[in-house]
Amino acid sequence: MDDESYTIQGLFKPLRNMGIEVVEAKCAIEAFNLSKNWQSYDIIVIDLIIPLMDDDEDLPDIVKNWDNEPYVGVGLVKWLISYLKVECPLLLISVIENPIKAFDLSKYGITHSLSKSGLLPSAVKNEILSLLGIGDEQ
């Protein structure tokens, strides 16, 4: 497990401590496979800068095409909205300043993002709870 995975786990620890299940995809192919069942998720959080895959698995053409975007996660967002017609909230996490504007993602209905720079687990928890309309009981 790389450092990035530990960082991601840390960002979601407060949610896990509240009993909220968090499913993590370490690369685009994992996100692709998990996203096919998007109806089972209340929210999808996407880091725009993710690798296509962790090993030498074969990639479906649609996932390969995400590499043509400025960042793989941008392709994932567009696929989730345009092809899968995902209806749950999407939250972007990125080191890119204002990724919604930078990649014109507002036209896909994306309205929420968090800057990864200095991002604290409490900020992730608060944003997710707010998007889900859940009060923080802790």
C-alpha atoms as a PDB file:
ATOM      1  CA  MET A   1       0.000   0.000   0.000  1.00  0.00           C
ATOM      2  CA  ASP A   2       1.483   3.362  -0.973  1.00  0.00           C
ATOM      3  CA  ASP A   3       1.520   6.604   1.004  1.00  0.00           C
ATOM      4  CA  GLU A   4      -1.392   8.009  -1.024  1.00  0.00           C
ATOM      5  CA  SER A   5      -3.602   5.130   0.062  1.00  0.00           C
ATOM      6  CA  TYR A   6      -2.779   5.787   3.718  1.00  0.00           C
ATOM      7  CA  THR A   7      -3.572   9.472   3.201  1.00  0.00           C
ATOM      8  CA  ILE A   8      -6.946   8.642   1.653  1.00  0.00           C
ATOM      9  CA  GLN A   9      -7.749   6.223   4.474  1.00  0.00           C
ATOM     10  CA  GLY A  10      -6.917   8.968   6.973  1.00  0.00           C
ATOM     11  CA  LEU A  11      -9.179  11.478   5.248  1.00  0.00           C
ATOM     12  CA  PHE A  12     -12.157   9.154   5.640  1.00  0.00           C
ATOM     13  CA  LYS A  13     -11.387   7.860   9.136  1.00  0.00           C
ATOM     14  CA  PRO A  14     -13.867  10.224  10.892  1.00  0.00           C
ATOM     15  CA  LEU A  15     -16.647   8.936   8.624  1.00  0.00           C
ATOM     16  CA  ARG A  16     -15.695   5.330   9.320  1.00  0.00           C
ATOM     17  CA  ASN A  17     -15.662   6.164  13.044  1.00  0.00           C
ATOM     18  CA  MET A  18     -19.281   7.301  12.653  1.00  0.00           C
ATOM     19  CA  GLY A  19     -20.162   3.923  11.163  1.00  0.00           C
ATOM     20  CA  ILE A  20     -20.301   5.162   7.573  1.00  0.00           C
ATOM     21  CA  GLU A  21     -19.013   2.619   5.070  1.00  0.00           C
ATOM     22  CA  VAL A  22     -16.309   3.946   2.753  1.00  0.00           C
ATOM     23  CA  VAL A  23     -15.313   1.988  -0.350  1.00  0.00           C
ATOM     24  CA  GLU A  24     -11.985   2.998  -1.873  1.00  0.00           C
ATOM     25  CA  ALA A  25     -10.754   2.630  -5.446  1.00  0.00           C
ATOM     26  CA  LYS A  26      -6.985   2.989  -5.811  1.00  0.00           C
ATOM     27  CA  CYS A  27      -7.053   3.412  -9.595  1.00  0.00           C
ATOM     28  CA  ALA A  28      -9.408   4.195 -12.473  1.00  0.00           C
ATOM     29  CA  ILE A  29     -10.140   0.578 -13.374  1.00  0.00           C
ATOM     30  CA  GLU A  30     -11.235  -0.095  -9.776  1.00  0.00           C
ATOM     31  CA  ALA A  31     -13.384   3.050  -9.869  1.00  0.00           C
ATOM     32  CA  PHE A  32     -14.858   1.902 -13.195  1.00  0.00           C
ATOM     33  CA  ASN A  33     -15.783  -1.495 -11.784  1.00  0.00           C
ATOM     34  CA  LEU A  34     -17.181  -0.109  -8.519  1.00  0.00           C
ATOM     35  CA  SER A  35     -19.120   2.672 -10.265  1.00  0.00           C
ATOM     36  CA  LYS A  36     -21.219   0.237 -12.262  1.00  0.00           C
ATOM     37  CA  ASN A  37     -23.175  -0.225  -9.026  1.00  0.00           C
ATOM     38  CA  TRP A  38     -23.407   3.483  -8.238  1.00  0.00           C
ATOM     39  CA  GLN A  39     -26.971   3.090  -6.972  1.00  0.00           C
ATOM     40  CA  SER A  40     -25.572   1.431  -3.838  1.00  0.00           C
ATOM     41  CA  TYR A  41     -23.584   4.573  -2.943  1.00  0.00           C
ATOM     42  CA  ASP A  42     -24.885   7.727  -1.302  1.00  0.00           C
ATOM     43  CA  ILE A  43     -22.018   9.850  -2.604  1.00  0.00           C
ATOM     44  CA  ILE A  44     -18.972   9.402  -4.846  1.00  0.00           C
ATOM     45  CA  VAL A  45     -15.746  11.196  -3.992  1.00  0.00           C
ATOM     46  CA  ILE A  46     -13.249  11.502  -6.842  1.00  0.00           C
ATOM     47  CA  ASP A  47      -9.599  12.453  -6.749  1.00  0.00           C
ATOM     48  CA  LEU A  48      -8.987  13.826 -10.241  1.00  0.00           C
ATOM     49  CA  ILE A  49      -5.371  12.681 -10.363  1.00  0.00           C
ATOM     50  CA  ILE A  50      -5.565   8.896 -10.155  1.00  0.00           C
ATOM     51  CA  PRO A  51      -3.624   6.228 -12.056  1.00  0.00           C
ATOM     52  CA  LEU A  52      -5.371   4.199 -14.730  1.00  0.00           C
ATOM     53  CA  MET A  53      -4.472   0.904 -13.061  1.00  0.00           C
ATOM     54  CA  ASP A  54      -2.230  -0.693 -10.456  1.00  0.00           C
ATOM     55  CA  ASP A  55      -1.029  -3.640 -12.532  1.00  0.00           C
ATOM     56  CA  ASP A  56      -1.104  -5.028 -16.055  1.00  0.00           C
ATOM     57  CA  GLU A  57      -4.823  -5.733 -16.323  1.00  0.00           C
ATOM     58  CA  ASP A  58      -6.567  -5.146 -19.613  1.00  0.00           C
ATOM     59  CA  LEU A  59      -8.428  -1.866 -19.690  1.00  0.00           C
ATOM     60  CA  PRO A  60     -11.773  -1.407 -21.406  1.00  0.00           C
ATOM     61  CA  ASP A  61     -11.555   1.160 -24.209  1.00  0.00           C
ATOM     62  CA  ILE A  62     -13.720   3.625 -22.302  1.00  0.00           C
ATOM     63  CA  VAL A  63     -11.233   3.653 -19.411  1.00  0.00           C
ATOM     64  CA  LYS A  64      -8.274   3.958 -21.805  1.00  0.00           C
ATOM     65  CA  ASN A  65      -9.960   7.059 -23.258  1.00  0.00           C
ATOM     66  CA  TRP A  66      -9.945   8.754 -19.837  1.00  0.00           C
ATOM     67  CA  ASP A  67      -6.205   9.112 -20.313  1.00  0.00           C
ATOM     68  CA  ASN A  68      -6.978  11.556 -23.174  1.00  0.00           C
ATOM     69  CA  GLU A  69      -8.401  14.017 -20.633  1.00  0.00           C
ATOM     70  CA  PRO A  70      -6.151  16.430 -18.719  1.00  0.00           C
ATOM     71  CA  TYR A  71      -6.452  13.988 -15.773  1.00  0.00           C
ATOM     72  CA  VAL A  72      -7.908  10.496 -15.612  1.00  0.00           C
ATOM     73  CA  GLY A  73     -10.412  11.569 -12.950  1.00  0.00           C
ATOM     74  CA  VAL A  74     -11.902  14.142 -15.342  1.00  0.00           C
ATOM     75  CA  GLY A  75     -12.699  11.316 -17.759  1.00  0.00           C
ATOM     76  CA  LEU A  76     -14.194   9.325 -14.894  1.00  0.00           C
ATOM     77  CA  VAL A  77     -16.453  12.243 -13.911  1.00  0.00           C
ATOM     78  CA  LYS A  78     -17.671  12.730 -17.469  1.00  0.00           C
ATOM     79  CA  TRP A  79     -18.358   8.996 -17.854  1.00  0.00           C
ATOM     80  CA  LEU A  80     -20.233   8.822 -14.546  1.00  0.00           C
ATOM     81  CA  ILE A  81     -22.529  11.694 -15.535  1.00  0.00           C
ATOM     82  CA  SER A  82     -22.881  11.215 -19.302  1.00  0.00           C
ATOM     83  CA  TYR A  83     -22.915   7.432 -19.610  1.00  0.00           C
ATOM     84  CA  LEU A  84     -23.987   6.012 -16.237  1.00  0.00           C
ATOM     85  CA  LYS A  85     -26.309   8.945 -15.459  1.00  0.00           C
ATOM     86  CA  VAL A  86     -25.198   8.915 -11.807  1.00  0.00           C
ATOM     87  CA  GLU A  87     -27.699  10.741  -9.615  1.00  0.00           C
ATOM     88  CA  CYS A  88     -25.890  10.717  -6.268  1.00  0.00           C
ATOM     89  CA  PRO A  89     -23.708  13.705  -5.333  1.00  0.00           C
ATOM     90  CA  LEU A  90     -20.138  13.830  -6.640  1.00  0.00           C
ATOM     91  CA  LEU A  91     -17.420  15.506  -4.605  1.00  0.00           C
ATOM     92  CA  LEU A  92     -14.082  16.286  -6.244  1.00  0.00           C
ATOM     93  CA  ILE A  93     -10.833  16.305  -4.313  1.00  0.00           C
ATOM     94  CA  SER A  94      -7.903  17.771  -6.196  1.00  0.00           C
ATOM     95  CA  VAL A  95      -4.621  19.616  -5.956  1.00  0.00           C
ATOM     96  CA  ILE A  96      -5.841  21.560  -9.002  1.00  0.00           C
ATOM     97  CA  GLU A  97      -7.201  24.934  -7.953  1.00  0.00           C
ATOM     98  CA  ASN A  98     -10.920  25.219  -8.722  1.00  0.00           C
ATOM     99  CA  PRO A  99     -11.136  22.015 -10.818  1.00  0.00           C
ATOM    100  CA  ILE A 100     -14.796  22.586 -11.613  1.00  0.00           C
ATOM    101  CA  LYS A 101     -13.957  25.784 -13.468  1.00  0.00           C
ATOM    102  CA  ALA A 102     -10.584  24.559 -14.790  1.00  0.00           C
ATOM    103  CA  PHE A 103     -12.184  21.578 -16.566  1.00  0.00           C
ATOM    104  CA  ASP A 104     -15.639  23.083 -17.227  1.00  0.00           C
ATOM    105  CA  LEU A 105     -17.309  20.437 -15.053  1.00  0.00           C
ATOM    106  CA  SER A 106     -20.201  22.652 -13.973  1.00  0.00           C
ATOM    107  CA  LYS A 107     -21.932  21.747 -17.236  1.00  0.00           C
ATOM    108  CA  TYR A 108     -22.008  18.184 -15.876  1.00  0.00           C
ATOM    109  CA  GLY A 109     -23.715  19.378 -12.713  1.00  0.00           C
ATOM    110  CA  ILE A 110     -20.600  19.193 -10.560  1.00  0.00           C
ATOM    111  CA  THR A 111     -20.775  21.864  -7.869  1.00  0.00           C
ATOM    112  CA  HIS A 112     -18.572  20.699  -4.993  1.00  0.00           C
ATOM    113  CA  SER A 113     -14.829  20.298  -4.666  1.00  0.00           C
ATOM    114  CA  LEU A 114     -12.229  20.373  -1.925  1.00  0.00           C
ATOM    115  CA  SER A 115      -8.627  21.439  -2.323  1.00  0.00           C
ATOM    116  CA  LYS A 116      -6.318  18.577  -1.422  1.00  0.00           C
ATOM    117  CA  SER A 117      -3.719  21.033  -0.214  1.00  0.00           C
ATOM    118  CA  GLY A 118      -3.862  21.005   3.578  1.00  0.00           C
ATOM    119  CA  LEU A 119      -7.085  19.009   3.504  1.00  0.00           C
ATOM    120  CA  LEU A 120      -8.132  17.794   6.928  1.00  0.00           C
ATOM    121  CA  PRO A 121     -10.284  14.727   7.642  1.00  0.00           C
ATOM    122  CA  SER A 122     -12.758  16.975   9.482  1.00  0.00           C
ATOM    123  CA  ALA A 123     -13.279  19.064   6.319  1.00  0.00           C
ATOM    124  CA  VAL A 124     -13.954  15.937   4.256  1.00  0.00           C
ATOM    125  CA  LYS A 125     -16.395  14.660   6.874  1.00  0.00           C
ATOM    126  CA  ASN A 126     -18.212  18.007   7.137  1.00  0.00           C
ATOM    127  CA  GLU A 127     -18.529  18.404   3.353  1.00  0.00           C
ATOM    128  CA  ILE A 128     -19.800  14.865   2.862  1.00  0.00           C
ATOM    129  CA  LEU A 129     -22.291  15.121   5.721  1.00  0.00           C
ATOM    130  CA  SER A 130     -23.500  18.438   4.320  1.00  0.00           C
ATOM    131  CA  LEU A 131     -23.944  16.999   0.814  1.00  0.00           C
ATOM    132  CA  LEU A 132     -25.869  14.074   2.270  1.00  0.00           C
ATOM    133  CA  GLY A 133     -27.988  16.317   4.484  1.00  0.00           C
ATOM    134  CA  ILE A 134     -26.796  14.525   7.605  1.00  0.00           C
ATOM    135  CA  GLY A 135     -26.198  16.419  10.829  1.00  0.00           C
ATOM    136  CA  ASP A 136     -22.928  15.670  12.643  1.00  0.00           C
ATOM    137  CA  GLU A 137     -24.008  13.784  15.757  1.00  0.00           C
ATOM    138  CA  GLN A 138     -20.488  13.780  17.170  1.00  0.00           C
END
